Amino acid sequence: MEQAEARRRLLELVEKFREKGATSPDKAMTPEEIGLPPWFRRLMRGRLGKLGVFVEKEGKYYLSEERLKQLEKRRGEMLEARNARRNLFMMRIARVTVGILLVSLLLVNIYVRDPSVRTVYSILLIALLAISILQLYYLTKAGRVFKACGKQDGGIRSSKTTS
């Protein structure tokens, strides 16, 4: 099952729990009362159960809104990290390209003594500096996101093992 399909199914399940009001331990319901598909219990023994969004209590289930919020927050952070990595990759490509142009202009400047070459060279040097600064920005941004994801994972794992 692809990721978008899994997310769509998860949101459908969340909506069913909300419609029936099964959002706390005292309002827990059986899958039949909620109107869940037959595969729900099987998935709860696997990855869906490990997510912690749906909690079982004495054969009944309820939606943990708190855990769902944590999951959505983490998903947003992971998307942000993916975008930061993509931006870093593009910055590397741009930096290499500008560096090659800079070296080419240096070589051309050896044989052609034209003042306009120096102007272009200066512009490329400024562009290279700007790209380097952007790379540092995206590196620090990605680092913060990865640290946040690591702390959140550690907290979730430790809370699951203690319960």
Protein backbone atom coordinates (compact mmCIF):
# COMPACT_ATOMS: atom_id res chain seq x y z
CA MET A 1 0.00 0.00 0.00
CA GLU A 2 1.45 3.35 -0.91
CA GLN A 3 1.93 6.08 1.65
CA ALA A 4 -0.83 8.39 0.38
CA GLU A 5 -3.35 5.53 0.43
CA ALA A 6 -2.32 4.55 3.97
CA ARG A 7 -2.70 8.14 5.13
CA ARG A 8 -6.13 8.41 3.50
CA ARG A 9 -7.30 5.22 5.23
CA LEU A 10 -5.95 6.41 8.57
CA LEU A 11 -7.85 9.69 8.24
CA GLU A 12 -11.04 7.78 7.34
CA LEU A 13 -10.65 5.70 10.51
CA VAL A 14 -10.01 8.82 12.58
CA GLU A 15 -13.17 10.40 11.16
CA LYS A 16 -15.24 7.31 12.05
CA PHE A 17 -13.98 7.39 15.64
CA ARG A 18 -14.81 11.10 15.89
CA GLU A 19 -18.29 10.64 14.38
CA LYS A 20 -19.12 7.97 16.96
CA GLY A 21 -17.52 9.96 19.79
CA ALA A 22 -14.98 7.26 20.70
CA THR A 23 -12.29 9.75 21.70
CA SER A 24 -11.56 8.86 25.32
CA PRO A 25 -11.15 5.71 27.43
CA ASP A 26 -14.61 6.05 28.98
CA LYS A 27 -16.20 6.37 25.49
CA ALA A 28 -14.36 3.40 23.96
CA MET A 29 -16.41 1.20 21.60
CA THR A 30 -16.07 -2.11 19.82
CA PRO A 31 -15.06 -2.01 16.15
CA GLU A 32 -18.56 -3.17 15.24
CA GLU A 33 -20.18 -0.28 17.14
CA ILE A 34 -17.93 2.20 15.37
CA GLY A 35 -18.55 0.55 12.00
CA LEU A 36 -14.93 -0.30 11.27
CA PRO A 37 -13.87 -2.64 8.46
CA PRO A 38 -12.95 -6.25 9.32
CA TRP A 39 -9.25 -5.65 8.69
CA PHE A 40 -9.04 -3.09 11.53
CA ARG A 41 -8.22 -5.62 14.29
CA ARG A 42 -5.57 -7.29 12.10
CA LEU A 43 -3.90 -3.94 11.41
CA MET A 44 -4.01 -3.03 15.10
CA ARG A 45 -1.72 -6.00 15.78
CA GLY A 46 0.76 -4.51 13.32
CA ARG A 47 1.89 -1.04 12.43
CA LEU A 48 -1.42 0.71 13.09
CA GLY A 49 -1.30 -0.47 16.69
CA LYS A 50 2.29 0.70 17.08
CA LEU A 51 1.31 4.23 16.03
CA GLY A 52 -0.72 4.53 19.21
CA VAL A 53 -3.47 6.61 17.58
CA PHE A 54 -6.11 4.00 18.36
CA VAL A 55 -5.95 2.56 21.85
CA GLU A 56 -7.49 -0.74 22.93
CA LYS A 57 -9.14 -1.00 26.33
CA GLU A 58 -10.82 -4.30 27.24
CA GLY A 59 -11.64 -5.20 23.63
CA LYS A 60 -12.90 -1.70 22.89
CA TYR A 61 -11.09 1.07 21.07
CA TYR A 62 -10.87 4.83 21.27
CA LEU A 63 -9.02 7.56 19.39
CA SER A 64 -6.12 9.25 21.19
CA GLU A 65 -6.35 12.84 19.96
CA GLU A 66 -3.11 13.69 21.80
CA ARG A 67 -1.17 10.96 20.01
CA LEU A 68 -2.72 11.99 16.68
CA LYS A 69 -1.52 15.56 17.23
CA GLN A 70 1.98 14.29 18.02
CA LEU A 71 1.95 12.18 14.86
CA GLU A 72 0.81 15.12 12.70
CA LYS A 73 3.46 17.36 14.24
CA ARG A 74 6.15 14.79 13.53
CA ARG A 75 4.90 14.36 9.97
CA GLY A 76 5.15 18.13 9.45
CA GLU A 77 8.69 18.13 10.85
CA MET A 78 9.69 15.27 8.56
CA LEU A 79 8.28 17.09 5.53
CA GLU A 80 10.18 20.18 6.59
CA ALA A 81 13.37 18.12 6.91
CA ARG A 82 12.82 16.56 3.48
CA ASN A 83 12.39 20.02 1.96
CA ALA A 84 15.53 21.24 3.71
CA ARG A 85 17.50 18.26 2.32
CA ARG A 86 16.15 18.93 -1.16
CA ASN A 87 17.13 22.59 -0.87
CA LEU A 88 20.60 21.60 0.34
CA PHE A 89 21.03 19.33 -2.67
CA MET A 90 19.99 22.10 -5.05
CA MET A 91 22.36 24.51 -3.30
CA ARG A 92 25.22 22.06 -3.79
CA ILE A 93 24.47 21.82 -7.48
CA ALA A 94 24.27 25.61 -7.79
CA ARG A 95 27.49 26.04 -5.82
CA VAL A 96 29.39 23.59 -8.03
CA THR A 97 28.01 25.28 -11.15
CA VAL A 98 28.97 28.75 -9.97
CA GLY A 99 32.39 27.44 -8.91
CA ILE A 100 33.01 26.00 -12.37
CA LEU A 101 31.95 29.29 -13.97
CA LEU A 102 34.23 31.18 -11.58
CA VAL A 103 37.25 29.02 -12.43
CA SER A 104 36.44 29.30 -16.15
CA LEU A 105 36.32 33.08 -15.91
CA LEU A 106 39.63 33.10 -14.04
CA LEU A 107 41.21 31.14 -16.86
CA VAL A 108 39.63 33.39 -19.48
CA ASN A 109 40.84 36.44 -17.55
CA ILE A 110 44.43 35.20 -17.89
CA TYR A 111 44.24 35.48 -21.68
CA VAL A 112 41.66 38.25 -22.10
CA ARG A 113 42.23 41.43 -20.14
CA ASP A 114 38.70 42.82 -20.29
CA PRO A 115 37.26 44.80 -17.32
CA SER A 116 33.76 43.36 -17.90
CA VAL A 117 35.14 39.90 -17.04
CA ARG A 118 36.09 41.23 -13.62
CA THR A 119 32.54 42.50 -13.12
CA VAL A 120 31.07 39.11 -14.00
CA TYR A 121 33.70 37.47 -11.80
CA SER A 122 32.68 39.68 -8.87
CA ILE A 123 29.00 38.87 -9.39
CA LEU A 124 29.75 35.14 -9.44
CA LEU A 125 31.85 35.48 -6.31
CA ILE A 126 28.95 37.20 -4.54
CA ALA A 127 26.58 34.49 -5.80
CA LEU A 128 28.92 31.80 -4.45
CA LEU A 129 28.99 33.53 -1.07
CA ALA A 130 25.18 33.85 -1.03
CA ILE A 131 24.77 30.16 -1.91
CA SER A 132 27.17 29.21 0.89
CA ILE A 133 25.16 31.26 3.38
CA LEU A 134 21.92 29.64 2.20
CA GLN A 135 23.51 26.22 2.60
CA LEU A 136 24.42 27.02 6.19
CA TYR A 137 20.87 28.20 6.84
CA TYR A 138 19.35 24.99 5.47
CA LEU A 139 21.89 22.86 7.34
CA THR A 140 20.99 24.44 10.67
CA LYS A 141 17.27 24.22 9.87
CA ALA A 142 17.55 20.53 8.96
CA GLY A 143 19.67 19.91 12.07
CA ARG A 144 17.01 21.43 14.35
CA VAL A 145 14.31 19.31 12.74
CA PHE A 146 16.31 16.11 13.06
CA LYS A 147 17.12 16.85 16.69
CA ALA A 148 13.44 17.52 17.40
CA CYS A 149 12.44 14.26 15.71
CA GLY A 150 15.07 12.36 17.69
CA LYS A 151 13.89 13.78 21.01
CA GLN A 152 10.28 13.08 20.15
CA ASP A 153 11.05 9.47 19.16
CA GLY A 154 12.94 8.94 22.40
CA GLY A 155 10.05 10.26 24.43
CA ILE A 156 7.51 8.08 22.65
CA ARG A 157 9.56 4.92 22.95
CA SER A 158 10.28 5.44 26.63
CA SER A 159 6.64 6.21 27.42
CA LYS A 160 5.48 3.07 25.59
CA THR A 161 7.91 0.81 27.42
CA THR A 162 6.89 2.14 30.82
CA SER A 163 3.14 1.62 30.32
